[in-house]
Structure formats: structure tokens, C-alpha cells
Amino acid sequence: ESIRVNNGPLAPIAVKTWHIVDATWPPGEGFSANRIGGVTTDGSRAYNGDLAEMLIYDHPLTDAERNLVGWYLAQKYGLQTGYVEP
């Protein structure tokens, strides 16, 4: 499992602002209803906010592909991130 926020580590992040979150799960550990917006398998720690866009790919993205998508989203939504122009 790999999770990044604004092209940086998953660490305490600012609230009440937009972020680009990208996550990769190993084969066999796909999404379930409680994984989108929930922190635990039973959904007891649910996300309470807006979701502007969700992109799902059929393969793990390379670092270059992640950067391209992240940079595009940062430009689209006017976000300050660690992504660089490709």
C-alpha cells in the first residue's frame, strides 16, 4: 500500500483545504465500499468532506505518470503541491 498527499508523505495535513491524494494497493487488496471515505474496515472513521474527482487506473502508475496526473490536477484546481511541470 502506498499513499501520498500533494506528492509528499502521508503526514498531518492541513484541514479545510483541497489536497491531491494518490494511493496504490497491492493485487488482491482492491477498493471496497468502506475504503473510499472510510479509514477503517468497518467505516467507523469516515471522511467528512468533498471529493472533487476520483481517477482509477487498471495498473499502478509509474512515478512519471503520477507526476503528470498530479501536475494536471494541481493546475486544474489551482493547488500548491510538490508536482512539477512535465
PDB file of N, CA and C in Angstrom:
ATOM      1  N   GLU A   1       0.845  -1.175   0.000  1.00  0.00           N
ATOM      2  CA  GLU A   1       0.000   0.000   0.000  1.00  0.00           C
ATOM      3  C   GLU A   1       0.888   1.234   0.000  1.00  0.00           C
ATOM      4  N   SER A   2       0.571   2.174  -0.845  1.00  0.00           N
ATOM      5  CA  SER A   2       1.319   3.421  -0.937  1.00  0.00           C
ATOM      6  C   SER A   2       0.333   4.576  -1.004  1.00  0.00           C
ATOM      7  N   ILE A   3       0.498   5.544  -0.116  1.00  0.00           N
ATOM      8  CA  ILE A   3      -0.381   6.713  -0.114  1.00  0.00           C
ATOM      9  C   ILE A   3       0.480   7.965  -0.057  1.00  0.00           C
ATOM     10  N   ARG A   4       0.202   8.904  -0.951  1.00  0.00           N
ATOM     11  CA  ARG A   4       0.901  10.191  -0.961  1.00  0.00           C
ATOM     12  C   ARG A   4      -0.124  11.322  -0.969  1.00  0.00           C
ATOM     13  N   VAL A   5       0.234  12.437  -0.345  1.00  0.00           N
ATOM     14  CA  VAL A   5      -0.615  13.621  -0.319  1.00  0.00           C
ATOM     15  C   VAL A   5       0.176  14.780  -0.902  1.00  0.00           C
ATOM     16  N   ASN A   6      -0.340  15.384  -1.971  1.00  0.00           N
ATOM     17  CA  ASN A   6       0.321  16.510  -2.645  1.00  0.00           C
ATOM     18  C   ASN A   6       1.753  16.172  -3.045  1.00  0.00           C
ATOM     19  N   ASN A   7       1.963  14.919  -3.446  1.00  0.00           N
ATOM     20  CA  ASN A   7       3.269  14.391  -3.855  1.00  0.00           C
ATOM     21  C   ASN A   7       4.268  14.358  -2.707  1.00  0.00           C
ATOM     22  N   GLY A   8       3.778  14.245  -1.496  1.00  0.00           N
ATOM     23  CA  GLY A   8       4.638  14.126  -0.324  1.00  0.00           C
ATOM     24  C   GLY A   8       4.135  12.995   0.559  1.00  0.00           C
ATOM     25  N   PRO A   9       4.772  12.813   1.709  1.00  0.00           N
ATOM     26  CA  PRO A   9       4.380  11.714   2.598  1.00  0.00           C
ATOM     27  C   PRO A   9       3.007  11.947   3.219  1.00  0.00           C
ATOM     28  N   LEU A  10       2.391  10.846   3.622  1.00  0.00           N
ATOM     29  CA  LEU A  10       1.135  10.925   4.358  1.00  0.00           C
ATOM     30  C   LEU A  10       1.497  11.327   5.780  1.00  0.00           C
ATOM     31  N   ALA A  11       1.241  12.546   6.120  1.00  0.00           N
ATOM     32  CA  ALA A  11       1.608  13.107   7.422  1.00  0.00           C
ATOM     33  C   ALA A  11       0.464  14.024   7.843  1.00  0.00           C
ATOM     34  N   PRO A  12       0.536  14.598   9.014  1.00  0.00           N
ATOM     35  CA  PRO A  12      -0.517  15.556   9.356  1.00  0.00           C
ATOM     36  C   PRO A  12      -0.637  16.603   8.246  1.00  0.00           C
ATOM     37  N   ILE A  13      -1.841  16.770   7.745  1.00  0.00           N
ATOM     38  CA  ILE A  13      -2.065  17.706   6.641  1.00  0.00           C
ATOM     39  C   ILE A  13      -3.087  18.752   7.058  1.00  0.00           C
ATOM     40  N   ALA A  14      -3.068  19.864   6.365  1.00  0.00           N
ATOM     41  CA  ALA A  14      -3.986  20.956   6.672  1.00  0.00           C
ATOM     42  C   ALA A  14      -5.426  20.521   6.428  1.00  0.00           C
ATOM     43  N   VAL A  15      -6.315  21.001   7.255  1.00  0.00           N
ATOM     44  CA  VAL A  15      -7.736  20.724   7.068  1.00  0.00           C
ATOM     45  C   VAL A  15      -8.392  21.928   6.414  1.00  0.00           C
ATOM     46  N   LYS A  16      -9.592  21.736   5.939  1.00  0.00           N
ATOM     47  CA  LYS A  16     -10.373  22.789   5.288  1.00  0.00           C
ATOM     48  C   LYS A  16      -9.667  23.358   4.064  1.00  0.00           C
ATOM     49  N   THR A  17      -8.967  22.491   3.347  1.00  0.00           N
ATOM     50  CA  THR A  17      -8.327  22.875   2.094  1.00  0.00           C
ATOM     51  C   THR A  17      -8.274  21.640   1.200  1.00  0.00           C
ATOM     52  N   TRP A  18      -8.069  21.836  -0.079  1.00  0.00           N
ATOM     53  CA  TRP A  18      -8.028  20.733  -1.036  1.00  0.00           C
ATOM     54  C   TRP A  18      -6.655  20.085  -1.062  1.00  0.00           C
ATOM     55  N   HIS A  19      -6.621  18.789  -1.336  1.00  0.00           N
ATOM     56  CA  HIS A  19      -5.380  18.029  -1.462  1.00  0.00           C
ATOM     57  C   HIS A  19      -5.502  17.056  -2.623  1.00  0.00           C
ATOM     58  N   ILE A  20      -4.366  16.676  -3.178  1.00  0.00           N
ATOM     59  CA  ILE A  20      -4.324  15.590  -4.148  1.00  0.00           C
ATOM     60  C   ILE A  20      -3.778  14.379  -3.407  1.00  0.00           C
ATOM     61  N   VAL A  21      -4.579  13.335  -3.336  1.00  0.00           N
ATOM     62  CA  VAL A  21      -4.193  12.104  -2.651  1.00  0.00           C
ATOM     63  C   VAL A  21      -4.102  11.004  -3.694  1.00  0.00           C
ATOM     64  N   ASP A  22      -2.971  10.297  -3.729  1.00  0.00           N
ATOM     65  CA  ASP A  22      -2.898   9.137  -4.615  1.00  0.00           C
ATOM     66  C   ASP A  22      -2.514   7.922  -3.793  1.00  0.00           C
ATOM     67  N   ALA A  23      -3.146   6.817  -4.131  1.00  0.00           N
ATOM     68  CA  ALA A  23      -2.955   5.585  -3.368  1.00  0.00           C
ATOM     69  C   ALA A  23      -2.848   4.401  -4.310  1.00  0.00           C
ATOM     70  N   THR A  24      -2.022   3.450  -3.932  1.00  0.00           N
ATOM     71  CA  THR A  24      -1.855   2.210  -4.686  1.00  0.00           C
ATOM     72  C   THR A  24      -1.963   1.048  -3.712  1.00  0.00           C
ATOM     73  N   TRP A  25      -2.770   0.065  -4.053  1.00  0.00           N
ATOM     74  CA  TRP A  25      -2.897  -1.142  -3.246  1.00  0.00           C
ATOM     75  C   TRP A  25      -2.322  -2.317  -4.011  1.00  0.00           C
ATOM     76  N   PRO A  26      -1.731  -3.287  -3.309  1.00  0.00           N
ATOM     77  CA  PRO A  26      -1.203  -4.474  -3.977  1.00  0.00           C
ATOM     78  C   PRO A  26      -2.334  -5.321  -4.563  1.00  0.00           C
ATOM     79  N   PRO A  27      -2.008  -6.193  -5.518  1.00  0.00           N
ATOM     80  CA  PRO A  27      -3.033  -7.066  -6.096  1.00  0.00           C
ATOM     81  C   PRO A  27      -3.774  -7.834  -5.006  1.00  0.00           C
ATOM     82  N   GLY A  28      -5.076  -7.955  -5.183  1.00  0.00           N
ATOM     83  CA  GLY A  28      -5.887  -8.678  -4.211  1.00  0.00           C
ATOM     84  C   GLY A  28      -6.421  -7.816  -3.087  1.00  0.00           C
ATOM     85  N   GLU A  29      -5.975  -6.573  -2.996  1.00  0.00           N
ATOM     86  CA  GLU A  29      -6.458  -5.656  -1.956  1.00  0.00           C
ATOM     87  C   GLU A  29      -7.130  -4.471  -2.617  1.00  0.00           C
ATOM     88  N   GLY A  30      -8.183  -4.716  -3.341  1.00  0.00           N
ATOM     89  CA  GLY A  30      -8.865  -3.650  -4.061  1.00  0.00           C
ATOM     90  C   GLY A  30      -9.705  -2.774  -3.162  1.00  0.00           C
ATOM     91  N   PHE A  31     -10.421  -1.863  -3.782  1.00  0.00           N
ATOM     92  CA  PHE A  31     -11.321  -0.976  -3.055  1.00  0.00           C
ATOM     93  C   PHE A  31     -12.534  -1.746  -2.569  1.00  0.00           C
ATOM     94  N   SER A  32     -13.080  -1.310  -1.476  1.00  0.00           N
ATOM     95  CA  SER A  32     -14.369  -1.802  -1.011  1.00  0.00           C
ATOM     96  C   SER A  32     -15.190  -0.579  -0.633  1.00  0.00           C
ATOM     97  N   ALA A  33     -16.448  -0.782  -0.357  1.00  0.00           N
ATOM     98  CA  ALA A  33     -17.321   0.350  -0.054  1.00  0.00           C
ATOM     99  C   ALA A  33     -16.798   1.188   1.105  1.00  0.00           C
ATOM    100  N   ASN A  34     -16.175   0.566   2.098  1.00  0.00           N
ATOM    101  CA  ASN A  34     -15.700   1.299   3.267  1.00  0.00           C
ATOM    102  C   ASN A  34     -14.309   1.885   3.091  1.00  0.00           C
ATOM    103  N   ARG A  35     -13.621   1.584   2.006  1.00  0.00           N
ATOM    104  CA  ARG A  35     -12.278   2.121   1.823  1.00  0.00           C
ATOM    105  C   ARG A  35     -12.308   3.492   1.181  1.00  0.00           C
ATOM    106  N   ILE A  36     -13.359   3.812   0.488  1.00  0.00           N
ATOM    107  CA  ILE A  36     -13.476   5.131  -0.125  1.00  0.00           C
ATOM    108  C   ILE A  36     -14.234   6.010   0.857  1.00  0.00           C
ATOM    109  N   GLY A  37     -13.508   6.864   1.550  1.00  0.00           N
ATOM    110  CA  GLY A  37     -14.120   7.735   2.530  1.00  0.00           C
ATOM    111  C   GLY A  37     -14.098   7.204   3.946  1.00  0.00           C
ATOM    112  N   GLY A  38     -13.660   5.974   4.154  1.00  0.00           N
ATOM    113  CA  GLY A  38     -13.560   5.404   5.490  1.00  0.00           C
ATOM    114  C   GLY A  38     -12.122   5.053   5.790  1.00  0.00           C
ATOM    115  N   VAL A  39     -11.723   5.170   7.036  1.00  0.00           N
ATOM    116  CA  VAL A  39     -10.345   4.881   7.410  1.00  0.00           C
ATOM    117  C   VAL A  39     -10.192   3.443   7.882  1.00  0.00           C
ATOM    118  N   THR A  40     -11.217   2.884   8.465  1.00  0.00           N
ATOM    119  CA  THR A  40     -11.132   1.526   8.987  1.00  0.00           C
ATOM    120  C   THR A  40     -11.999   0.594   8.156  1.00  0.00           C
ATOM    121  N   THR A  41     -11.789  -0.686   8.311  1.00  0.00           N
ATOM    122  CA  THR A  41     -12.550  -1.648   7.515  1.00  0.00           C
ATOM    123  C   THR A  41     -14.037  -1.624   7.829  1.00  0.00           C
ATOM    124  N   ASP A  42     -14.406  -1.155   9.010  1.00  0.00           N
ATOM    125  CA  ASP A  42     -15.833  -1.084   9.321  1.00  0.00           C
ATOM    126  C   ASP A  42     -16.411   0.304   9.048  1.00  0.00           C
ATOM    127  N   GLY A  43     -15.593   1.229   8.549  1.00  0.00           N
ATOM    128  CA  GLY A  43     -16.074   2.557   8.197  1.00  0.00           C
ATOM    129  C   GLY A  43     -16.362   3.457   9.379  1.00  0.00           C
ATOM    130  N   SER A  44     -15.837   3.113  10.566  1.00  0.00           N
ATOM    131  CA  SER A  44     -16.162   3.879  11.770  1.00  0.00           C
ATOM    132  C   SER A  44     -15.463   5.235  11.830  1.00  0.00           C
ATOM    133  N   ARG A  45     -14.477   5.466  10.996  1.00  0.00           N
ATOM    134  CA  ARG A  45     -13.802   6.770  10.958  1.00  0.00           C
ATOM    135  C   ARG A  45     -13.965   7.331   9.552  1.00  0.00           C
ATOM    136  N   ALA A  46     -15.139   7.767   9.251  1.00  0.00           N
ATOM    137  CA  ALA A  46     -15.474   8.204   7.895  1.00  0.00           C
ATOM    138  C   ALA A  46     -14.925   9.591   7.582  1.00  0.00           C
ATOM    139  N   TYR A  47     -14.649   9.797   6.316  1.00  0.00           N
ATOM    140  CA  TYR A  47     -14.218  11.092   5.801  1.00  0.00           C
ATOM    141  C   TYR A  47     -15.429  12.005   5.740  1.00  0.00           C
ATOM    142  N   ASN A  48     -15.278  13.242   6.177  1.00  0.00           N
ATOM    143  CA  ASN A  48     -16.369  14.202   6.154  1.00  0.00           C
ATOM    144  C   ASN A  48     -15.918  15.404   5.349  1.00  0.00           C
ATOM    145  N   GLY A  49     -16.123  15.356   4.051  1.00  0.00           N
ATOM    146  CA  GLY A  49     -15.690  16.451   3.197  1.00  0.00           C
ATOM    147  C   GLY A  49     -16.138  16.221   1.768  1.00  0.00           C
ATOM    148  N   ASP A  50     -15.603  17.008   0.870  1.00  0.00           N
ATOM    149  CA  ASP A  50     -15.954  16.914  -0.539  1.00  0.00           C
ATOM    150  C   ASP A  50     -14.907  16.126  -1.301  1.00  0.00           C
ATOM    151  N   LEU A  51     -15.331  15.477  -2.351  1.00  0.00           N
ATOM    152  CA  LEU A  51     -14.450  14.754  -3.251  1.00  0.00           C
ATOM    153  C   LEU A  51     -14.703  15.327  -4.637  1.00  0.00           C
ATOM    154  N   ALA A  52     -13.713  16.034  -5.186  1.00  0.00           N
ATOM    155  CA  ALA A  52     -13.897  16.697  -6.475  1.00  0.00           C
ATOM    156  C   ALA A  52     -13.786  15.733  -7.636  1.00  0.00           C
ATOM    157  N   GLU A  53     -12.907  14.767  -7.525  1.00  0.00           N
ATOM    158  CA  GLU A  53     -12.642  13.903  -8.666  1.00  0.00           C
ATOM    159  C   GLU A  53     -11.960  12.632  -8.179  1.00  0.00           C
ATOM    160  N   MET A  54     -12.301  11.503  -8.799  1.00  0.00           N
ATOM    161  CA  MET A  54     -11.631  10.247  -8.488  1.00  0.00           C
ATOM    162  C   MET A  54     -11.224   9.601  -9.804  1.00  0.00           C
ATOM    163  N   LEU A  55      -9.953   9.278  -9.909  1.00  0.00           N
ATOM    164  CA  LEU A  55      -9.430   8.619 -11.102  1.00  0.00           C
ATOM    165  C   LEU A  55      -8.965   7.233 -10.701  1.00  0.00           C
ATOM    166  N   ILE A  56      -9.375   6.214 -11.438  1.00  0.00           N
ATOM    167  CA  ILE A  56      -8.988   4.838 -11.149  1.00  0.00           C
ATOM    168  C   ILE A  56      -8.342   4.263 -12.399  1.00  0.00           C
ATOM    169  N   TYR A  57      -7.174   3.659 -12.223  1.00  0.00           N
ATOM    170  CA  TYR A  57      -6.425   3.091 -13.343  1.00  0.00           C
ATOM    171  C   TYR A  57      -6.344   1.580 -13.202  1.00  0.00           C
ATOM    172  N   ASP A  58      -6.099   0.909 -14.325  1.00  0.00           N
ATOM    173  CA  ASP A  58      -6.032  -0.551 -14.316  1.00  0.00           C
ATOM    174  C   ASP A  58      -4.626  -1.079 -14.076  1.00  0.00           C
ATOM    175  N   HIS A  59      -3.715  -0.178 -13.742  1.00  0.00           N
ATOM    176  CA  HIS A  59      -2.331  -0.578 -13.461  1.00  0.00           C
ATOM    177  C   HIS A  59      -1.716   0.446 -12.515  1.00  0.00           C
ATOM    178  N   PRO A  60      -0.714   0.043 -11.746  1.00  0.00           N
ATOM    179  CA  PRO A  60      -0.017   1.028 -10.902  1.00  0.00           C
ATOM    180  C   PRO A  60       0.685   2.048 -11.796  1.00  0.00           C
ATOM    181  N   LEU A  61       0.521   3.315 -11.503  1.00  0.00           N
ATOM    182  CA  LEU A  61       1.164   4.356 -12.303  1.00  0.00           C
ATOM    183  C   LEU A  61       2.649   4.436 -11.975  1.00  0.00           C
ATOM    184  N   THR A  62       3.434   4.724 -12.988  1.00  0.00           N
ATOM    185  CA  THR A  62       4.858   4.978 -12.762  1.00  0.00           C
ATOM    186  C   THR A  62       4.989   6.323 -12.063  1.00  0.00           C
ATOM    187  N   ASP A  63       6.162   6.618 -11.546  1.00  0.00           N
ATOM    188  CA  ASP A  63       6.376   7.927 -10.919  1.00  0.00           C
ATOM    189  C   ASP A  63       6.118   9.049 -11.916  1.00  0.00           C
ATOM    190  N   ALA A  64       6.526   8.857 -13.172  1.00  0.00           N
ATOM    191  CA  ALA A  64       6.311   9.885 -14.201  1.00  0.00           C
ATOM    192  C   ALA A  64       4.816  10.074 -14.470  1.00  0.00           C
ATOM    193  N   GLU A  65       4.064   8.973 -14.522  1.00  0.00           N
ATOM    194  CA  GLU A  65       2.616   9.075 -14.740  1.00  0.00           C
ATOM    195  C   GLU A  65       1.930   9.737 -13.553  1.00  0.00           C
ATOM    196  N   ARG A  66       2.360   9.394 -12.341  1.00  0.00           N
ATOM    197  CA  ARG A  66       1.777  10.017 -11.144  1.00  0.00           C
ATOM    198  C   ARG A  66       2.040  11.520 -11.155  1.00  0.00           C
ATOM    199  N   ASN A  67       3.245  11.894 -11.522  1.00  0.00           N
ATOM    200  CA  ASN A  67       3.579  13.313 -11.585  1.00  0.00           C
ATOM    201  C   ASN A  67       2.723  14.020 -12.631  1.00  0.00           C
ATOM    202  N   LEU A  68       2.554  13.410 -13.799  1.00  0.00           N
ATOM    203  CA  LEU A  68       1.760  14.013 -14.868  1.00  0.00           C
ATOM    204  C   LEU A  68       0.313  14.233 -14.424  1.00  0.00           C
ATOM    205  N   VAL A  69      -0.281  13.223 -13.824  1.00  0.00           N
ATOM    206  CA  VAL A  69      -1.660  13.338 -13.347  1.00  0.00           C
ATOM    207  C   VAL A  69      -1.746  14.362 -12.216  1.00  0.00           C
ATOM    208  N   GLY A  70      -0.812  14.295 -11.265  1.00  0.00           N
ATOM    209  CA  GLY A  70      -0.813  15.241 -10.148  1.00  0.00           C
ATOM    210  C   GLY A  70      -0.630  16.669 -10.601  1.00  0.00           C
ATOM    211  N   TRP A  71       0.272  16.888 -11.553  1.00  0.00           N
ATOM    212  CA  TRP A  71       0.501  18.245 -12.063  1.00  0.00           C
ATOM    213  C   TRP A  71      -0.748  18.756 -12.771  1.00  0.00           C
ATOM    214  N   TYR A  72      -1.363  17.894 -13.573  1.00  0.00           N
ATOM    215  CA  TYR A  72      -2.598  18.271 -14.270  1.00  0.00           C
ATOM    216  C   TYR A  72      -3.681  18.683 -13.264  1.00  0.00           C
ATOM    217  N   LEU A  73      -3.894  17.870 -12.225  1.00  0.00           N
ATOM    218  CA  LEU A  73      -4.921  18.184 -11.232  1.00  0.00           C
ATOM    219  C   LEU A  73      -4.583  19.449 -10.448  1.00  0.00           C
ATOM    220  N   ALA A  74      -3.311  19.630 -10.118  1.00  0.00           N
ATOM    221  CA  ALA A  74      -2.893  20.844  -9.400  1.00  0.00           C
ATOM    222  C   ALA A  74      -3.198  22.084 -10.233  1.00  0.00           C
ATOM    223  N   GLN A  75      -2.928  22.008 -11.535  1.00  0.00           N
ATOM    224  CA  GLN A  75      -3.218  23.139 -12.418  1.00  0.00           C
ATOM    225  C   GLN A  75      -4.726  23.342 -12.560  1.00  0.00           C
ATOM    226  N   LYS A  76      -5.454  22.265 -12.727  1.00  0.00           N
ATOM    227  CA  LYS A  76      -6.905  22.328 -12.916  1.00  0.00           C
ATOM    228  C   LYS A  76      -7.600  22.978 -11.725  1.00  0.00           C
ATOM    229  N   TYR A  77      -7.150  22.625 -10.505  1.00  0.00           N
ATOM    230  CA  TYR A  77      -7.806  23.116  -9.297  1.00  0.00           C
ATOM    231  C   TYR A  77      -7.039  24.232  -8.587  1.00  0.00           C
ATOM    232  N   GLY A  78      -5.922  24.686  -9.164  1.00  0.00           N
ATOM    233  CA  GLY A  78      -5.159  25.783  -8.569  1.00  0.00           C
ATOM    234  C   GLY A  78      -4.554  25.446  -7.222  1.00  0.00           C
ATOM    235  N   LEU A  79      -3.956  24.248  -7.100  1.00  0.00           N
ATOM    236  CA  LEU A  79      -3.405  23.794  -5.823  1.00  0.00           C
ATOM    237  C   LEU A  79      -1.895  23.935  -5.775  1.00  0.00           C
ATOM    238  N   GLN A  80      -1.369  24.215  -4.598  1.00  0.00           N
ATOM    239  CA  GLN A  80       0.072  24.228  -4.363  1.00  0.00           C
ATOM    240  C   GLN A  80       0.482  22.818  -3.957  1.00  0.00           C
ATOM    241  N   THR A  81       1.312  22.165  -4.768  1.00  0.00           N
ATOM    242  CA  THR A  81       1.734  20.794  -4.489  1.00  0.00           C
ATOM    243  C   THR A  81       3.211  20.638  -4.813  1.00  0.00           C
ATOM    244  N   GLY A  82       3.718  19.436  -4.623  1.00  0.00           N
ATOM    245  CA  GLY A  82       5.100  19.126  -4.964  1.00  0.00           C
ATOM    246  C   GLY A  82       5.262  18.587  -6.374  1.00  0.00           C
ATOM    247  N   TYR A  83       4.181  18.550  -7.164  1.00  0.00           N
ATOM    248  CA  TYR A  83       4.290  18.064  -8.538  1.00  0.00           C
ATOM    249  C   TYR A  83       4.976  19.113  -9.401  1.00  0.00           C
ATOM    250  N   VAL A  84       5.730  18.641 -10.384  1.00  0.00           N
ATOM    251  CA  VAL A  84       6.462  19.561 -11.263  1.00  0.00           C
ATOM    252  C   VAL A  84       5.925  19.446 -12.680  1.00  0.00           C
ATOM    253  N   GLU A  85       6.053  20.529 -13.424  1.00  0.00           N
ATOM    254  CA  GLU A  85       5.592  20.527 -14.811  1.00  0.00           C
ATOM    255  C   GLU A  85       6.365  19.483 -15.606  1.00  0.00           C
ATOM    256  N   PRO A  86       5.656  18.588 -16.288  1.00  0.00           N
ATOM    257  CA  PRO A  86       6.352  17.526 -17.047  1.00  0.00           C
ATOM    258  C   PRO A  86       7.076  18.073 -18.271  1.00  0.00           C
TER     259      PRO A  86
END
